[in-house]
Amino acid sequence: MTLSNKQKQFLKGLAHDRKPVVLLGANGLTEGVLAEIDSALNIHELIKVKVPTEDREVKQLIIDAIVRETKAFKVQTIGHVLVLYRQSEEKKIQLPR
């Protein structure tokens, strides 16, 4: 499954008022952080993750690793904030077609 532009726009609108639920600390991307992101995706489906690093290449590597390991879709990245979506079994968010 891939997200269409219409679906991404819809998810961006839903994510706008949300605060980051996971913040990467000084240790960076650890197993514990990945587990927390995975858990948050199972509960909320749509989350924001704050990746506070000044190096753009490192930030992109971290984002790619998060997307790969959680099997989530990257909706958008604004500054240090990554918006992720992964549909849960309950399908809480009804995406437009």
N, C-alpha and C. Protein backbone atom coordinates (compact mmCIF):
# COMPACT_ATOMS: atom_id res chain seq x y z
N MET A 1 0.84 -1.18 0.00
CA MET A 1 0.00 0.00 0.00
C MET A 1 0.88 1.25 0.00
N THR A 2 0.54 2.19 -0.82
CA THR A 2 1.20 3.49 -0.81
C THR A 2 0.14 4.55 -0.58
N LEU A 3 0.57 5.70 -0.16
CA LEU A 3 -0.36 6.79 0.10
C LEU A 3 -0.43 7.71 -1.11
N SER A 4 -1.65 8.05 -1.50
CA SER A 4 -1.83 9.00 -2.60
C SER A 4 -1.60 10.41 -2.06
N ASN A 5 -1.47 11.37 -2.95
CA ASN A 5 -1.29 12.76 -2.52
C ASN A 5 -2.49 13.24 -1.72
N LYS A 6 -3.68 12.82 -2.13
CA LYS A 6 -4.90 13.20 -1.41
C LYS A 6 -4.87 12.67 0.02
N GLN A 7 -4.44 11.43 0.17
CA GLN A 7 -4.35 10.82 1.50
C GLN A 7 -3.29 11.51 2.36
N LYS A 8 -2.14 11.85 1.75
CA LYS A 8 -1.09 12.55 2.48
C LYS A 8 -1.58 13.91 2.96
N GLN A 9 -2.28 14.64 2.09
CA GLN A 9 -2.83 15.94 2.47
C GLN A 9 -3.81 15.80 3.63
N PHE A 10 -4.65 14.78 3.58
CA PHE A 10 -5.61 14.51 4.65
C PHE A 10 -4.88 14.25 5.97
N LEU A 11 -3.84 13.42 5.93
CA LEU A 11 -3.08 13.09 7.14
C LEU A 11 -2.31 14.30 7.66
N LYS A 12 -1.79 15.14 6.77
CA LYS A 12 -1.10 16.35 7.20
C LYS A 12 -2.05 17.26 7.97
N GLY A 13 -3.29 17.35 7.50
CA GLY A 13 -4.29 18.16 8.18
C GLY A 13 -4.59 17.62 9.57
N LEU A 14 -4.69 16.30 9.69
CA LEU A 14 -4.95 15.68 11.00
C LEU A 14 -3.77 15.87 11.95
N ALA A 15 -2.56 15.83 11.41
CA ALA A 15 -1.36 15.90 12.24
C ALA A 15 -1.02 17.32 12.67
N HIS A 16 -1.60 18.30 12.02
CA HIS A 16 -1.22 19.70 12.25
C HIS A 16 -1.25 20.11 13.73
N ASP A 17 -2.30 19.78 14.44
CA ASP A 17 -2.45 20.21 15.84
C ASP A 17 -1.79 19.27 16.85
N ARG A 18 -1.29 18.16 16.39
CA ARG A 18 -0.69 17.19 17.31
C ARG A 18 0.71 17.59 17.73
N LYS A 19 1.07 17.18 18.92
CA LYS A 19 2.43 17.40 19.45
C LYS A 19 3.24 16.13 19.24
N PRO A 20 4.58 16.25 19.15
CA PRO A 20 5.41 15.04 19.04
C PRO A 20 5.21 14.14 20.26
N VAL A 21 5.00 12.85 20.01
CA VAL A 21 4.81 11.89 21.11
C VAL A 21 6.10 11.19 21.47
N VAL A 22 7.08 11.22 20.58
CA VAL A 22 8.38 10.61 20.85
C VAL A 22 9.46 11.63 20.52
N LEU A 23 10.39 11.81 21.44
CA LEU A 23 11.52 12.72 21.25
C LEU A 23 12.80 11.93 21.34
N LEU A 24 13.64 12.00 20.31
CA LEU A 24 14.93 11.33 20.37
C LEU A 24 15.84 12.11 21.30
N GLY A 25 16.53 11.39 22.17
CA GLY A 25 17.42 12.03 23.13
C GLY A 25 18.85 12.04 22.66
N ALA A 26 19.74 12.22 23.61
CA ALA A 26 21.17 12.30 23.32
C ALA A 26 21.72 10.99 22.78
N ASN A 27 21.09 9.87 23.12
CA ASN A 27 21.56 8.57 22.65
C ASN A 27 21.12 8.26 21.23
N GLY A 28 20.29 9.11 20.65
CA GLY A 28 19.84 8.91 19.27
C GLY A 28 18.80 7.82 19.15
N LEU A 29 18.84 7.11 18.05
CA LEU A 29 17.86 6.08 17.75
C LEU A 29 18.30 4.76 18.37
N THR A 30 17.64 4.37 19.45
CA THR A 30 17.97 3.12 20.15
C THR A 30 16.81 2.14 19.99
N GLU A 31 17.02 0.91 20.44
CA GLU A 31 15.97 -0.10 20.41
C GLU A 31 14.76 0.37 21.22
N GLY A 32 15.01 1.01 22.35
CA GLY A 32 13.93 1.51 23.20
C GLY A 32 13.10 2.58 22.51
N VAL A 33 13.77 3.47 21.80
CA VAL A 33 13.07 4.53 21.08
C VAL A 33 12.23 3.92 19.96
N LEU A 34 12.80 2.96 19.23
CA LEU A 34 12.04 2.29 18.16
C LEU A 34 10.82 1.56 18.73
N ALA A 35 10.97 0.93 19.88
CA ALA A 35 9.85 0.24 20.52
C ALA A 35 8.77 1.24 20.92
N GLU A 36 9.18 2.40 21.41
CA GLU A 36 8.23 3.45 21.79
C GLU A 36 7.48 3.98 20.57
N ILE A 37 8.19 4.19 19.47
CA ILE A 37 7.55 4.66 18.23
C ILE A 37 6.56 3.61 17.73
N ASP A 38 6.97 2.35 17.77
CA ASP A 38 6.11 1.25 17.32
C ASP A 38 4.84 1.19 18.17
N SER A 39 5.01 1.32 19.47
CA SER A 39 3.86 1.30 20.39
C SER A 39 2.93 2.47 20.13
N ALA A 40 3.50 3.66 19.94
CA ALA A 40 2.69 4.85 19.67
C ALA A 40 1.92 4.71 18.35
N LEU A 41 2.55 4.12 17.35
CA LEU A 41 1.87 3.90 16.07
C LEU A 41 0.71 2.92 16.23
N ASN A 42 0.90 1.89 17.05
CA ASN A 42 -0.19 0.93 17.28
C ASN A 42 -1.38 1.60 17.96
N ILE A 43 -1.10 2.53 18.84
CA ILE A 43 -2.17 3.20 19.59
C ILE A 43 -2.82 4.31 18.77
N HIS A 44 -2.01 5.17 18.15
CA HIS A 44 -2.54 6.39 17.52
C HIS A 44 -2.63 6.35 16.00
N GLU A 45 -1.91 5.50 15.34
CA GLU A 45 -1.80 5.41 13.88
C GLU A 45 -1.04 6.58 13.25
N LEU A 46 -1.27 7.80 13.72
CA LEU A 46 -0.63 8.99 13.17
C LEU A 46 0.10 9.70 14.30
N ILE A 47 1.43 9.80 14.18
CA ILE A 47 2.21 10.40 15.26
C ILE A 47 3.27 11.35 14.70
N LYS A 48 3.79 12.18 15.60
CA LYS A 48 4.93 13.03 15.27
C LYS A 48 6.11 12.58 16.13
N VAL A 49 7.29 12.58 15.51
CA VAL A 49 8.53 12.23 16.20
C VAL A 49 9.50 13.39 16.01
N LYS A 50 10.11 13.83 17.10
CA LYS A 50 11.08 14.93 17.01
C LYS A 50 12.49 14.36 16.94
N VAL A 51 13.21 14.73 15.90
CA VAL A 51 14.58 14.26 15.65
C VAL A 51 15.51 15.48 15.74
N PRO A 52 15.97 15.81 16.95
CA PRO A 52 16.76 17.05 17.13
C PRO A 52 18.24 16.87 16.82
N THR A 53 18.60 16.95 15.56
CA THR A 53 20.00 16.93 15.17
C THR A 53 20.22 18.02 14.12
N GLU A 54 21.36 18.65 14.17
CA GLU A 54 21.65 19.74 13.24
C GLU A 54 22.18 19.25 11.90
N ASP A 55 22.74 18.05 11.87
CA ASP A 55 23.32 17.50 10.64
C ASP A 55 22.21 16.90 9.78
N ARG A 56 21.98 17.48 8.61
CA ARG A 56 20.89 17.03 7.74
C ARG A 56 21.05 15.57 7.29
N GLU A 57 22.27 15.17 6.99
CA GLU A 57 22.51 13.79 6.54
C GLU A 57 22.20 12.79 7.64
N VAL A 58 22.64 13.10 8.85
CA VAL A 58 22.36 12.23 10.00
C VAL A 58 20.87 12.15 10.25
N LYS A 59 20.20 13.31 10.18
CA LYS A 59 18.74 13.35 10.39
C LYS A 59 18.03 12.48 9.36
N GLN A 60 18.45 12.58 8.10
CA GLN A 60 17.82 11.78 7.04
C GLN A 60 18.06 10.29 7.26
N LEU A 61 19.26 9.92 7.70
CA LEU A 61 19.55 8.52 7.99
C LEU A 61 18.67 7.99 9.13
N ILE A 62 18.48 8.82 10.15
CA ILE A 62 17.63 8.42 11.29
C ILE A 62 16.19 8.26 10.82
N ILE A 63 15.70 9.21 10.02
CA ILE A 63 14.33 9.13 9.51
C ILE A 63 14.14 7.89 8.66
N ASP A 64 15.08 7.62 7.77
CA ASP A 64 15.00 6.42 6.92
C ASP A 64 14.98 5.15 7.77
N ALA A 65 15.79 5.11 8.82
CA ALA A 65 15.83 3.94 9.71
C ALA A 65 14.51 3.77 10.44
N ILE A 66 13.93 4.87 10.92
CA ILE A 66 12.63 4.79 11.62
C ILE A 66 11.56 4.25 10.69
N VAL A 67 11.49 4.79 9.48
CA VAL A 67 10.48 4.34 8.51
C VAL A 67 10.68 2.87 8.17
N ARG A 68 11.91 2.47 7.96
CA ARG A 68 12.21 1.08 7.60
C ARG A 68 11.87 0.12 8.74
N GLU A 69 12.29 0.45 9.95
CA GLU A 69 12.11 -0.45 11.09
C GLU A 69 10.66 -0.54 11.57
N THR A 70 9.90 0.56 11.44
CA THR A 70 8.52 0.54 11.92
C THR A 70 7.52 0.17 10.83
N LYS A 71 8.00 0.10 9.59
CA LYS A 71 7.14 -0.19 8.44
C LYS A 71 5.99 0.82 8.35
N ALA A 72 6.30 2.08 8.66
CA ALA A 72 5.32 3.16 8.62
C ALA A 72 5.55 4.00 7.37
N PHE A 73 4.60 4.86 7.06
CA PHE A 73 4.73 5.78 5.94
C PHE A 73 5.16 7.14 6.46
N LYS A 74 6.12 7.73 5.79
CA LYS A 74 6.52 9.10 6.13
C LYS A 74 5.54 10.02 5.43
N VAL A 75 4.75 10.74 6.21
CA VAL A 75 3.78 11.67 5.65
C VAL A 75 4.48 12.96 5.27
N GLN A 76 5.30 13.49 6.20
CA GLN A 76 6.06 14.69 5.91
C GLN A 76 7.11 14.92 6.99
N THR A 77 8.06 15.78 6.66
CA THR A 77 9.07 16.22 7.60
C THR A 77 9.10 17.74 7.55
N ILE A 78 8.95 18.36 8.71
CA ILE A 78 9.05 19.81 8.80
C ILE A 78 10.08 20.11 9.88
N GLY A 79 11.20 20.68 9.48
CA GLY A 79 12.27 20.96 10.44
C GLY A 79 12.76 19.67 11.08
N HIS A 80 12.62 19.59 12.39
CA HIS A 80 13.07 18.40 13.12
C HIS A 80 11.93 17.43 13.42
N VAL A 81 10.74 17.70 12.90
CA VAL A 81 9.57 16.89 13.22
C VAL A 81 9.18 16.01 12.04
N LEU A 82 9.06 14.72 12.32
CA LEU A 82 8.67 13.71 11.34
C LEU A 82 7.26 13.27 11.64
N VAL A 83 6.40 13.22 10.62
CA VAL A 83 5.03 12.74 10.78
C VAL A 83 4.96 11.35 10.16
N LEU A 84 4.53 10.38 10.97
CA LEU A 84 4.44 8.98 10.53
C LEU A 84 3.01 8.48 10.60
N TYR A 85 2.66 7.58 9.67
CA TYR A 85 1.35 6.94 9.68
C TYR A 85 1.52 5.45 9.43
N ARG A 86 0.84 4.66 10.23
CA ARG A 86 0.77 3.22 10.00
C ARG A 86 -0.61 2.76 10.45
N GLN A 87 -1.34 2.17 9.54
CA GLN A 87 -2.71 1.74 9.84
C GLN A 87 -2.70 0.59 10.83
N SER A 88 -3.54 0.69 11.84
CA SER A 88 -3.66 -0.38 12.83
C SER A 88 -4.80 -1.32 12.42
N GLU A 89 -4.95 -2.39 13.15
CA GLU A 89 -6.01 -3.35 12.85
C GLU A 89 -7.39 -2.75 13.04
N GLU A 90 -7.52 -1.78 13.97
CA GLU A 90 -8.81 -1.15 14.22
C GLU A 90 -9.16 -0.11 13.16
N LYS A 91 -8.17 0.33 12.38
CA LYS A 91 -8.37 1.34 11.33
C LYS A 91 -9.11 2.55 11.89
N LYS A 92 -8.49 3.22 12.84
CA LYS A 92 -9.11 4.37 13.51
C LYS A 92 -9.28 5.56 12.57
N ILE A 93 -8.35 5.74 11.66
CA ILE A 93 -8.41 6.86 10.72
C ILE A 93 -8.89 6.33 9.38
N GLN A 94 -9.98 6.89 8.89
CA GLN A 94 -10.51 6.48 7.59
C GLN A 94 -9.92 7.39 6.53
N LEU A 95 -9.04 6.83 5.70
CA LEU A 95 -8.38 7.61 4.66
C LEU A 95 -9.33 7.81 3.47
N PRO A 96 -9.27 8.99 2.85
CA PRO A 96 -10.06 9.17 1.62
C PRO A 96 -9.47 8.32 0.50
N ARG A 97 -10.27 8.01 -0.47
CA ARG A 97 -9.79 7.18 -1.58
C ARG A 97 -9.16 7.98 -2.65
